[in-house]
Every structure is written in structure tokens, then in C-alpha cells.
PDB file of N, CA and C in Angstrom:
ATOM      1  N   UNK A   1     -77.798  51.734  26.125  1.00  0.00           N
ATOM      2  CA  UNK A   1     -78.159  50.341  25.972  1.00  0.00           C
ATOM      3  C   UNK A   1     -78.958  50.160  24.689  1.00  0.00           C
ATOM      4  N   UNK A   2     -78.745  49.031  24.040  1.00  0.00           N
ATOM      5  CA  UNK A   2     -79.469  48.747  22.804  1.00  0.00           C
ATOM      6  C   UNK A   2     -79.967  47.314  22.831  1.00  0.00           C
ATOM      7  N   UNK A   3     -80.754  46.970  21.840  1.00  0.00           N
ATOM      8  CA  UNK A   3     -81.262  45.616  21.707  1.00  0.00           C
ATOM      9  C   UNK A   3     -82.731  45.540  22.054  1.00  0.00           C
ATOM     10  N   UNK A   4     -83.342  44.416  21.727  1.00  0.00           N
ATOM     11  CA  UNK A   4     -84.784  44.280  21.929  1.00  0.00           C
ATOM     12  C   UNK A   4     -85.196  44.331  23.403  1.00  0.00           C
ATOM     13  N   UNK A   5     -84.361  43.790  24.301  1.00  0.00           N
ATOM     14  CA  UNK A   5     -84.700  43.804  25.722  1.00  0.00           C
ATOM     15  C   UNK A   5     -84.820  45.231  26.241  1.00  0.00           C
ATOM     16  N   UNK A   6     -83.838  46.071  25.889  1.00  0.00           N
ATOM     17  CA  UNK A   6     -83.828  47.453  26.368  1.00  0.00           C
ATOM     18  C   UNK A   6     -84.947  48.261  25.736  1.00  0.00           C
ATOM     19  N   UNK A   7     -85.254  47.972  24.476  1.00  0.00           N
ATOM     20  CA  UNK A   7     -86.351  48.697  23.837  1.00  0.00           C
ATOM     21  C   UNK A   7     -87.683  48.310  24.477  1.00  0.00           C
ATOM     22  N   UNK A   8     -87.814  47.049  24.910  1.00  0.00           N
ATOM     23  CA  UNK A   8     -89.037  46.644  25.603  1.00  0.00           C
ATOM     24  C   UNK A   8     -89.131  47.294  26.972  1.00  0.00           C
ATOM     25  N   UNK A   9     -88.007  47.425  27.672  1.00  0.00           N
ATOM     26  CA  UNK A   9     -88.007  48.137  28.948  1.00  0.00           C
ATOM     27  C   UNK A   9     -88.426  49.590  28.747  1.00  0.00           C
ATOM     28  N   UNK A  10     -87.917  50.222  27.720  1.00  0.00           N
ATOM     29  CA  UNK A  10     -88.279  51.611  27.441  1.00  0.00           C
ATOM     30  C   UNK A  10     -89.750  51.725  27.056  1.00  0.00           C
ATOM     31  N   UNK A  11     -90.238  50.779  26.262  1.00  0.00           N
ATOM     32  CA  UNK A  11     -91.643  50.790  25.869  1.00  0.00           C
ATOM     33  C   UNK A  11     -92.549  50.688  27.094  1.00  0.00           C
ATOM     34  N   UNK A  12     -92.274  49.726  27.967  1.00  0.00           N
ATOM     35  CA  UNK A  12     -93.105  49.554  29.159  1.00  0.00           C
ATOM     36  C   UNK A  12     -92.967  50.743  30.104  1.00  0.00           C
ATOM     37  N   UNK A  13     -91.802  51.348  30.153  1.00  0.00           N
ATOM     38  CA  UNK A  13     -91.616  52.553  30.958  1.00  0.00           C
ATOM     39  C   UNK A  13     -92.480  53.687  30.417  1.00  0.00           C
ATOM     40  N   UNK A  14     -92.531  53.813  29.097  1.00  0.00           N
ATOM     41  CA  UNK A  14     -93.339  54.880  28.491  1.00  0.00           C
ATOM     42  C   UNK A  14     -94.831  54.632  28.673  1.00  0.00           C
ATOM     43  N   UNK A  15     -95.214  53.389  28.956  1.00  0.00           N
ATOM     44  CA  UNK A  15     -96.621  53.058  29.178  1.00  0.00           C
ATOM     45  C   UNK A  15     -97.029  53.180  30.647  1.00  0.00           C
ATOM     46  N   UNK A  16     -96.148  53.728  31.478  1.00  0.00           N
ATOM     47  CA  UNK A  16     -96.504  53.994  32.864  1.00  0.00           C
ATOM     48  C   UNK A  16     -95.888  53.061  33.884  1.00  0.00           C
ATOM     49  N   UNK A  17     -94.878  52.296  33.489  1.00  0.00           N
ATOM     50  CA  UNK A  17     -94.212  51.380  34.413  1.00  0.00           C
ATOM     51  C   UNK A  17     -92.720  51.697  34.436  1.00  0.00           C
ATOM     52  N   UNK A  18     -92.340  52.795  35.133  1.00  0.00           N
ATOM     53  CA  UNK A  18     -90.955  53.268  35.074  1.00  0.00           C
ATOM     54  C   UNK A  18     -89.960  52.458  35.897  1.00  0.00           C
ATOM     55  N   UNK A  19     -90.426  51.691  36.886  1.00  0.00           N
ATOM     56  CA  UNK A  19     -89.507  50.939  37.740  1.00  0.00           C
ATOM     57  C   UNK A  19     -88.989  49.720  36.967  1.00  0.00           C
ATOM     58  N   UNK A  20     -87.690  49.661  36.678  1.00  0.00           N
ATOM     59  CA  UNK A  20     -87.177  48.584  35.829  1.00  0.00           C
ATOM     60  C   UNK A  20     -87.174  47.197  36.479  1.00  0.00           C
ATOM     61  N   UNK A  21     -87.187  47.117  37.797  1.00  0.00           N
ATOM     62  CA  UNK A  21     -87.106  45.811  38.449  1.00  0.00           C
ATOM     63  C   UNK A  21     -88.357  44.966  38.182  1.00  0.00           C
ATOM     64  N   UNK A  22     -89.580  45.436  38.521  1.00  0.00           N
ATOM     65  CA  UNK A  22     -90.732  44.590  38.227  1.00  0.00           C
ATOM     66  C   UNK A  22     -90.968  44.400  36.726  1.00  0.00           C
ATOM     67  N   UNK A  23     -90.600  45.404  35.938  1.00  0.00           N
ATOM     68  CA  UNK A  23     -90.751  45.283  34.483  1.00  0.00           C
ATOM     69  C   UNK A  23     -89.833  44.190  33.959  1.00  0.00           C
ATOM     70  N   UNK A  24     -88.596  44.203  34.405  1.00  0.00           N
ATOM     71  CA  UNK A  24     -87.631  43.198  33.979  1.00  0.00           C
ATOM     72  C   UNK A  24     -88.072  41.801  34.403  1.00  0.00           C
ATOM     73  N   UNK A  25     -88.565  41.674  35.639  1.00  0.00           N
ATOM     74  CA  UNK A  25     -89.026  40.372  36.119  1.00  0.00           C
ATOM     75  C   UNK A  25     -90.219  39.881  35.309  1.00  0.00           C
ATOM     76  N   UNK A  26     -91.141  40.776  34.981  1.00  0.00           N
ATOM     77  CA  UNK A  26     -92.306  40.393  34.184  1.00  0.00           C
ATOM     78  C   UNK A  26     -91.874  39.974  32.774  1.00  0.00           C
ATOM     79  N   UNK A  27     -90.924  40.704  32.195  1.00  0.00           N
ATOM     80  CA  UNK A  27     -90.422  40.323  30.873  1.00  0.00           C
ATOM     81  C   UNK A  27     -89.775  38.942  30.909  1.00  0.00           C
ATOM     82  N   UNK A  28     -89.046  38.649  31.973  1.00  0.00           N
ATOM     83  CA  UNK A  28     -88.411  37.333  32.091  1.00  0.00           C
ATOM     84  C   UNK A  28     -89.458  36.230  32.225  1.00  0.00           C
ATOM     85  N   UNK A  29     -90.489  36.461  33.032  1.00  0.00           N
ATOM     86  CA  UNK A  29     -91.539  35.452  33.202  1.00  0.00           C
ATOM     87  C   UNK A  29     -92.293  35.183  31.901  1.00  0.00           C
ATOM     88  N   UNK A  30     -92.363  36.193  31.053  1.00  0.00           N
ATOM     89  CA  UNK A  30     -93.107  36.054  29.795  1.00  0.00           C
ATOM     90  C   UNK A  30     -92.172  35.895  28.601  1.00  0.00           C
ATOM     91  N   UNK A  31     -90.943  35.434  28.880  1.00  0.00           N
ATOM     92  CA  UNK A  31     -89.948  35.122  27.847  1.00  0.00           C
ATOM     93  C   UNK A  31     -89.759  36.254  26.844  1.00  0.00           C
ATOM     94  N   UNK A  32     -89.706  37.481  27.350  1.00  0.00           N
ATOM     95  CA  UNK A  32     -89.430  38.630  26.511  1.00  0.00           C
ATOM     96  C   UNK A  32     -90.636  39.227  25.816  1.00  0.00           C
ATOM     97  N   UNK A  33     -91.816  38.679  26.056  1.00  0.00           N
ATOM     98  CA  UNK A  33     -93.029  39.213  25.418  1.00  0.00           C
ATOM     99  C   UNK A  33     -93.485  40.463  26.164  1.00  0.00           C
ATOM    100  N   UNK A  34     -93.425  41.608  25.491  1.00  0.00           N
ATOM    101  CA  UNK A  34     -93.862  42.829  26.171  1.00  0.00           C
ATOM    102  C   UNK A  34     -95.369  42.830  26.381  1.00  0.00           C
ATOM    103  N   UNK A  35     -96.125  42.131  25.527  1.00  0.00           N
ATOM    104  CA  UNK A  35     -97.583  42.058  25.723  1.00  0.00           C
ATOM    105  C   UNK A  35     -97.920  41.277  26.985  1.00  0.00           C
ATOM    106  N   UNK A  36     -97.262  40.147  27.193  1.00  0.00           N
ATOM    107  CA  UNK A  36     -97.498  39.360  28.397  1.00  0.00           C
ATOM    108  C   UNK A  36     -97.079  40.113  29.643  1.00  0.00           C
ATOM    109  N   UNK A  37     -95.921  40.776  29.562  1.00  0.00           N
ATOM    110  CA  UNK A  37     -95.441  41.558  30.702  1.00  0.00           C
ATOM    111  C   UNK A  37     -96.398  42.705  31.002  1.00  0.00           C
ATOM    112  N   UNK A  38     -96.893  43.373  29.953  1.00  0.00           N
ATOM    113  CA  UNK A  38     -97.830  44.483  30.143  1.00  0.00           C
ATOM    114  C   UNK A  38     -99.114  44.007  30.804  1.00  0.00           C
ATOM    115  N   UNK A  39     -99.637  42.873  30.363  1.00  0.00           N
ATOM    116  CA  UNK A  39    -100.852  42.331  30.979  1.00  0.00           C
ATOM    117  C   UNK A  39    -100.632  42.049  32.460  1.00  0.00           C
ATOM    118  N   UNK A  40     -99.499  41.457  32.781  1.00  0.00           N
ATOM    119  CA  UNK A  40     -99.196  41.145  34.185  1.00  0.00           C
ATOM    120  C   UNK A  40     -99.058  42.412  35.015  1.00  0.00           C
ATOM    121  N   UNK A  41     -98.319  43.382  34.503  1.00  0.00           N
ATOM    122  CA  UNK A  41     -98.110  44.629  35.243  1.00  0.00           C
ATOM    123  C   UNK A  41     -99.416  45.394  35.441  1.00  0.00           C
ATOM    124  N   UNK A  42    -100.263  45.414  34.420  1.00  0.00           N
ATOM    125  CA  UNK A  42    -101.564  46.074  34.549  1.00  0.00           C
ATOM    126  C   UNK A  42    -102.449  45.345  35.550  1.00  0.00           C
ATOM    127  N   UNK A  43    -102.442  44.012  35.506  1.00  0.00           N
ATOM    128  CA  UNK A  43    -103.256  43.233  36.442  1.00  0.00           C
ATOM    129  C   UNK A  43    -102.838  43.507  37.882  1.00  0.00           C
ATOM    130  N   UNK A  44    -101.530  43.589  38.114  1.00  0.00           N
ATOM    131  CA  UNK A  44    -101.047  43.881  39.469  1.00  0.00           C
ATOM    132  C   UNK A  44    -101.486  45.267  39.918  1.00  0.00           C
ATOM    133  N   UNK A  45    -101.429  46.236  39.011  1.00  0.00           N
ATOM    134  CA  UNK A  45    -101.812  47.602  39.357  1.00  0.00           C
ATOM    135  C   UNK A  45    -103.320  47.714  39.578  1.00  0.00           C
ATOM    136  N   UNK A  46    -104.109  46.936  38.846  1.00  0.00           N
ATOM    137  CA  UNK A  46    -105.559  47.019  38.950  1.00  0.00           C
ATOM    138  C   UNK A  46    -106.130  46.133  40.064  1.00  0.00           C
ATOM    139  N   UNK A  47    -105.326  45.255  40.619  1.00  0.00           N
ATOM    140  CA  UNK A  47    -105.820  44.310  41.626  1.00  0.00           C
ATOM    141  C   UNK A  47    -106.569  44.976  42.789  1.00  0.00           C
ATOM    142  N   UNK A  48    -106.049  46.041  43.409  1.00  0.00           N
ATOM    143  CA  UNK A  48    -106.801  46.649  44.522  1.00  0.00           C
ATOM    144  C   UNK A  48    -108.171  47.168  44.106  1.00  0.00           C
ATOM    145  N   UNK A  49    -108.274  47.727  42.911  1.00  0.00           N
ATOM    146  CA  UNK A  49    -109.559  48.230  42.431  1.00  0.00           C
ATOM    147  C   UNK A  49    -110.531  47.084  42.190  1.00  0.00           C
ATOM    148  N   UNK A  50    -110.049  46.020  41.564  1.00  0.00           N
ATOM    149  CA  UNK A  50    -110.914  44.871  41.293  1.00  0.00           C
ATOM    150  C   UNK A  50    -111.367  44.208  42.586  1.00  0.00           C
ATOM    151  N   UNK A  51    -110.474  44.129  43.546  1.00  0.00           N
ATOM    152  CA  UNK A  51    -110.816  43.533  44.826  1.00  0.00           C
ATOM    153  C   UNK A  51    -111.924  44.322  45.515  1.00  0.00           C
ATOM    154  N   UNK A  52    -111.810  45.645  45.542  1.00  0.00           N
ATOM    155  CA  UNK A  52    -112.858  46.472  46.143  1.00  0.00           C
ATOM    156  C   UNK A  52    -114.165  46.327  45.380  1.00  0.00           C
ATOM    157  N   UNK A  53    -114.093  46.240  44.072  1.00  0.00           N
ATOM    158  CA  UNK A  53    -115.298  46.091  43.253  1.00  0.00           C
ATOM    159  C   UNK A  53    -115.981  44.750  43.545  1.00  0.00           C
ATOM    160  N   UNK A  54    -115.206  43.681  43.664  1.00  0.00           N
ATOM    161  CA  UNK A  54    -115.766  42.365  43.950  1.00  0.00           C
ATOM    162  C   UNK A  54    -116.376  42.314  45.351  1.00  0.00           C
ATOM    163  N   UNK A  55    -115.853  43.117  46.261  1.00  0.00           N
ATOM    164  CA  UNK A  55    -116.372  43.134  47.619  1.00  0.00           C
ATOM    165  C   UNK A  55    -117.598  44.022  47.747  1.00  0.00           C
ATOM    166  N   UNK A  56    -118.023  44.624  46.641  1.00  0.00           N
ATOM    167  CA  UNK A  56    -119.242  45.409  46.637  1.00  0.00           C
ATOM    168  C   UNK A  56    -119.067  46.881  46.925  1.00  0.00           C
ATOM    169  N   UNK A  57    -117.841  47.333  47.030  1.00  0.00           N
ATOM    170  CA  UNK A  57    -117.626  48.755  47.271  1.00  0.00           C
ATOM    171  C   UNK A  57    -117.953  49.529  45.998  1.00  0.00           C
ATOM    172  N   UNK A  58    -118.593  50.643  46.148  1.00  0.00           N
ATOM    173  CA  UNK A  58    -118.910  51.484  45.004  1.00  0.00           C
ATOM    174  C   UNK A  58    -117.644  52.048  44.381  1.00  0.00           C
ATOM    175  N   UNK A  59    -117.707  52.408  43.114  1.00  0.00           N
ATOM    176  CA  UNK A  59    -116.497  52.870  42.453  1.00  0.00           C
ATOM    177  C   UNK A  59    -115.933  54.166  43.008  1.00  0.00           C
ATOM    178  N   UNK A  60    -116.774  55.072  43.502  1.00  0.00           N
ATOM    179  CA  UNK A  60    -116.276  56.306  44.079  1.00  0.00           C
ATOM    180  C   UNK A  60    -115.398  57.094  43.128  1.00  0.00           C
ATOM    181  N   UNK A  61    -115.841  57.243  41.906  1.00  0.00           N
ATOM    182  CA  UNK A  61    -115.032  57.934  40.904  1.00  0.00           C
ATOM    183  C   UNK A  61    -115.020  59.437  41.165  1.00  0.00           C
ATOM    184  N   UNK A  62    -113.838  60.000  41.246  1.00  0.00           N
ATOM    185  CA  UNK A  62    -113.672  61.445  41.388  1.00  0.00           C
ATOM    186  C   UNK A  62    -113.111  61.961  40.070  1.00  0.00           C
ATOM    187  N   UNK A  63    -113.987  62.518  39.229  1.00  0.00           N
ATOM    188  CA  UNK A  63    -113.589  62.928  37.887  1.00  0.00           C
ATOM    189  C   UNK A  63    -112.679  64.153  37.874  1.00  0.00           C
ATOM    190  N   UNK A  64    -112.555  64.831  38.984  1.00  0.00           N
ATOM    191  CA  UNK A  64    -111.705  66.021  39.056  1.00  0.00           C
ATOM    192  C   UNK A  64    -110.382  65.772  39.763  1.00  0.00           C
ATOM    193  N   UNK A  65    -110.040  64.513  39.974  1.00  0.00           N
ATOM    194  CA  UNK A  65    -108.791  64.200  40.649  1.00  0.00           C
ATOM    195  C   UNK A  65    -107.611  64.593  39.765  1.00  0.00           C
ATOM    196  N   UNK A  66    -106.508  65.002  40.367  1.00  0.00           N
ATOM    197  CA  UNK A  66    -105.365  65.464  39.573  1.00  0.00           C
ATOM    198  C   UNK A  66    -104.667  64.348  38.795  1.00  0.00           C
ATOM    199  N   UNK A  67    -104.685  63.118  39.297  1.00  0.00           N
ATOM    200  CA  UNK A  67    -104.015  62.005  38.619  1.00  0.00           C
ATOM    201  C   UNK A  67    -105.001  61.318  37.678  1.00  0.00           C
ATOM    202  N   UNK A  68    -105.019  61.755  36.422  1.00  0.00           N
ATOM    203  CA  UNK A  68    -105.974  61.228  35.452  1.00  0.00           C
ATOM    204  C   UNK A  68    -105.679  59.783  35.078  1.00  0.00           C
ATOM    205  N   UNK A  69    -104.410  59.360  35.101  1.00  0.00           N
ATOM    206  CA  UNK A  69    -104.100  57.968  34.798  1.00  0.00           C
ATOM    207  C   UNK A  69    -104.686  57.049  35.857  1.00  0.00           C
ATOM    208  N   UNK A  70    -104.636  57.459  37.113  1.00  0.00           N
ATOM    209  CA  UNK A  70    -105.226  56.657  38.182  1.00  0.00           C
ATOM    210  C   UNK A  70    -106.741  56.567  38.002  1.00  0.00           C
ATOM    211  N   UNK A  71    -107.370  57.671  37.589  1.00  0.00           N
ATOM    212  CA  UNK A  71    -108.803  57.667  37.324  1.00  0.00           C
ATOM    213  C   UNK A  71    -109.138  56.706  36.188  1.00  0.00           C
ATOM    214  N   UNK A  72    -108.354  56.732  35.115  1.00  0.00           N
ATOM    215  CA  UNK A  72    -108.607  55.837  33.989  1.00  0.00           C
ATOM    216  C   UNK A  72    -108.427  54.378  34.396  1.00  0.00           C
ATOM    217  N   UNK A  73    -107.422  54.078  35.213  1.00  0.00           N
ATOM    218  CA  UNK A  73    -107.247  52.705  35.698  1.00  0.00           C
ATOM    219  C   UNK A  73    -108.432  52.284  36.555  1.00  0.00           C
ATOM    220  N   UNK A  74    -108.932  53.204  37.380  1.00  0.00           N
ATOM    221  CA  UNK A  74    -110.084  52.901  38.222  1.00  0.00           C
ATOM    222  C   UNK A  74    -111.319  52.640  37.362  1.00  0.00           C
ATOM    223  N   UNK A  75    -111.513  53.427  36.323  1.00  0.00           N
ATOM    224  CA  UNK A  75    -112.641  53.223  35.414  1.00  0.00           C
ATOM    225  C   UNK A  75    -112.532  51.857  34.748  1.00  0.00           C
ATOM    226  N   UNK A  76    -111.336  51.514  34.277  1.00  0.00           N
ATOM    227  CA  UNK A  76    -111.132  50.212  33.629  1.00  0.00           C
ATOM    228  C   UNK A  76    -111.390  49.050  34.586  1.00  0.00           C
ATOM    229  N   UNK A  77    -111.059  49.247  35.845  1.00  0.00           N
ATOM    230  CA  UNK A  77    -111.216  48.170  36.830  1.00  0.00           C
ATOM    231  C   UNK A  77    -112.636  48.020  37.329  1.00  0.00           C
ATOM    232  N   UNK A  78    -113.416  49.073  37.310  1.00  0.00           N
ATOM    233  CA  UNK A  78    -114.726  49.017  37.970  1.00  0.00           C
ATOM    234  C   UNK A  78    -115.919  49.087  37.030  1.00  0.00           C
ATOM    235  N   UNK A  79    -115.713  49.546  35.819  1.00  0.00           N
ATOM    236  CA  UNK A  79    -116.823  49.685  34.880  1.00  0.00           C
ATOM    237  C   UNK A  79    -116.592  48.778  33.677  1.00  0.00           C
ATOM    238  N   UNK A  80    -117.667  48.380  32.995  1.00  0.00           N
ATOM    239  CA  UNK A  80    -117.492  47.512  31.818  1.00  0.00           C
ATOM    240  C   UNK A  80    -117.014  48.306  30.602  1.00  0.00           C
ATOM    241  N   UNK A  81    -115.796  48.802  30.681  1.00  0.00           N
ATOM    242  CA  UNK A  81    -115.187  49.599  29.612  1.00  0.00           C
ATOM    243  C   UNK A  81    -114.054  48.762  29.028  1.00  0.00           C
ATOM    244  N   UNK A  82    -114.010  48.657  27.704  1.00  0.00           N
ATOM    245  CA  UNK A  82    -113.098  47.708  27.063  1.00  0.00           C
ATOM    246  C   UNK A  82    -111.710  48.240  26.744  1.00  0.00           C
ATOM    247  N   UNK A  83    -111.514  49.547  26.740  1.00  0.00           N
ATOM    248  CA  UNK A  83    -110.202  50.047  26.326  1.00  0.00           C
ATOM    249  C   UNK A  83    -109.848  51.338  27.060  1.00  0.00           C
ATOM    250  N   UNK A  84    -108.569  51.697  26.958  1.00  0.00           N
ATOM    251  CA  UNK A  84    -108.064  52.928  27.568  1.00  0.00           C
ATOM    252  C   UNK A  84    -108.757  54.135  26.956  1.00  0.00           C
ATOM    253  N   UNK A  85    -108.978  54.108  25.645  1.00  0.00           N
ATOM    254  CA  UNK A  85    -109.639  55.218  24.966  1.00  0.00           C
ATOM    255  C   UNK A  85    -111.065  55.428  25.440  1.00  0.00           C
ATOM    256  N   UNK A  86    -111.776  54.332  25.646  1.00  0.00           N
ATOM    257  CA  UNK A  86    -113.149  54.449  26.137  1.00  0.00           C
ATOM    258  C   UNK A  86    -113.173  54.920  27.583  1.00  0.00           C
ATOM    259  N   UNK A  87    -112.196  54.481  28.375  1.00  0.00           N
ATOM    260  CA  UNK A  87    -112.107  54.964  29.754  1.00  0.00           C
ATOM    261  C   UNK A  87    -111.826  56.462  29.765  1.00  0.00           C
ATOM    262  N   UNK A  88    -110.995  56.913  28.838  1.00  0.00           N
ATOM    263  CA  UNK A  88    -110.710  58.340  28.720  1.00  0.00           C
ATOM    264  C   UNK A  88    -111.971  59.108  28.337  1.00  0.00           C
ATOM    265  N   UNK A  89    -112.770  58.524  27.475  1.00  0.00           N
ATOM    266  CA  UNK A  89    -114.033  59.152  27.094  1.00  0.00           C
ATOM    267  C   UNK A  89    -114.972  59.257  28.290  1.00  0.00           C
ATOM    268  N   UNK A  90    -115.073  58.202  29.089  1.00  0.00           N
ATOM    269  CA  UNK A  90    -115.911  58.219  30.299  1.00  0.00           C
ATOM    270  C   UNK A  90    -115.426  59.317  31.247  1.00  0.00           C
ATOM    271  N   UNK A  91    -114.105  59.422  31.417  1.00  0.00           N
ATOM    272  CA  UNK A  91    -113.542  60.441  32.317  1.00  0.00           C
ATOM    273  C   UNK A  91    -113.858  61.846  31.819  1.00  0.00           C
ATOM    274  N   UNK A  92    -113.696  62.077  30.525  1.00  0.00           N
ATOM    275  CA  UNK A  92    -113.962  63.422  30.011  1.00  0.00           C
ATOM    276  C   UNK A  92    -115.445  63.767  30.079  1.00  0.00           C
ATOM    277  N   UNK A  93    -116.305  62.782  29.813  1.00  0.00           N
ATOM    278  CA  UNK A  93    -117.743  63.030  29.952  1.00  0.00           C
ATOM    279  C   UNK A  93    -118.118  63.296  31.404  1.00  0.00           C
ATOM    280  N   UNK A  94    -117.520  62.564  32.327  1.00  0.00           N
ATOM    281  CA  UNK A  94    -117.773  62.791  33.744  1.00  0.00           C
ATOM    282  C   UNK A  94    -117.384  64.188  34.180  1.00  0.00           C
ATOM    283  N   UNK A  95    -116.234  64.675  33.688  1.00  0.00           N
ATOM    284  CA  UNK A  95    -115.805  66.039  34.010  1.00  0.00           C
ATOM    285  C   UNK A  95    -116.752  67.063  33.390  1.00  0.00           C
ATOM    286  N   UNK A  96    -117.131  66.856  32.129  1.00  0.00           N
ATOM    287  CA  UNK A  96    -118.013  67.820  31.450  1.00  0.00           C
ATOM    288  C   UNK A  96    -119.387  67.891  32.102  1.00  0.00           C
ATOM    289  N   UNK A  97    -119.883  66.741  32.581  1.00  0.00           N
ATOM    290  CA  UNK A  97    -121.208  66.707  33.193  1.00  0.00           C
ATOM    291  C   UNK A  97    -121.177  67.075  34.673  1.00  0.00           C
ATOM    292  N   UNK A  98    -119.984  67.272  35.222  1.00  0.00           N
ATOM    293  CA  UNK A  98    -119.863  67.656  36.624  1.00  0.00           C
ATOM    294  C   UNK A  98    -120.181  66.534  37.591  1.00  0.00           C
ATOM    295  N   UNK A  99    -119.902  65.298  37.194  1.00  0.00           N
ATOM    296  CA  UNK A  99    -120.177  64.148  38.076  1.00  0.00           C
ATOM    297  C   UNK A  99    -119.116  63.996  39.138  1.00  0.00           C
TER     298      UNK A  99
END
């Protein structure tokens, strides 16, 4: 497959959203904008973490968990961290300090 639509599907897949159905639907809702689709897909993935945070549940960060992407998403959802890179820094510092 070729064309901008397929390249956007591949881009979003490489960013951690491999299921083409919700990716395709998000791209359609955002008129082909991969940035809009990415924001929507990330918001949906982060919703459970944000909901727990708003309800007052502690973050419960496990820095030694095997799924580091899930840890980074949890950090982004629960701490005032502005980017994926900074969340990665928090995770690596947490592991180094034995938190």
C-alpha cells in the first residue's frame, strides 16, 4: 500500500498504536491529520490513569516493571511531566535510585 493515508497508518503504528481499526477511525475524525489522531489515541490510552489520578489514587509507580512504555504513559498521566523524553528521564532516575 502507498500514499499519505497508509504512511500515516504506519507512522501511528510505529508510535505504539498497531491496531489499524481505531487508528483509521481517528484519522478519519481528524480529516487525515496524524497529529490530531495521535492526540486522540493517546488521550484514550491515558484516560484510566488520569481518572485514577483525579479520584485521588496515588500513582503507584513501579520503576522495575517489564513494560517500560506503560510506565512512561503512567508517568505522563500522573506527574507534571511535559514530554515523553522527560518521562523517560523520570523512569531511569527512579530505577537508578531504587524507587
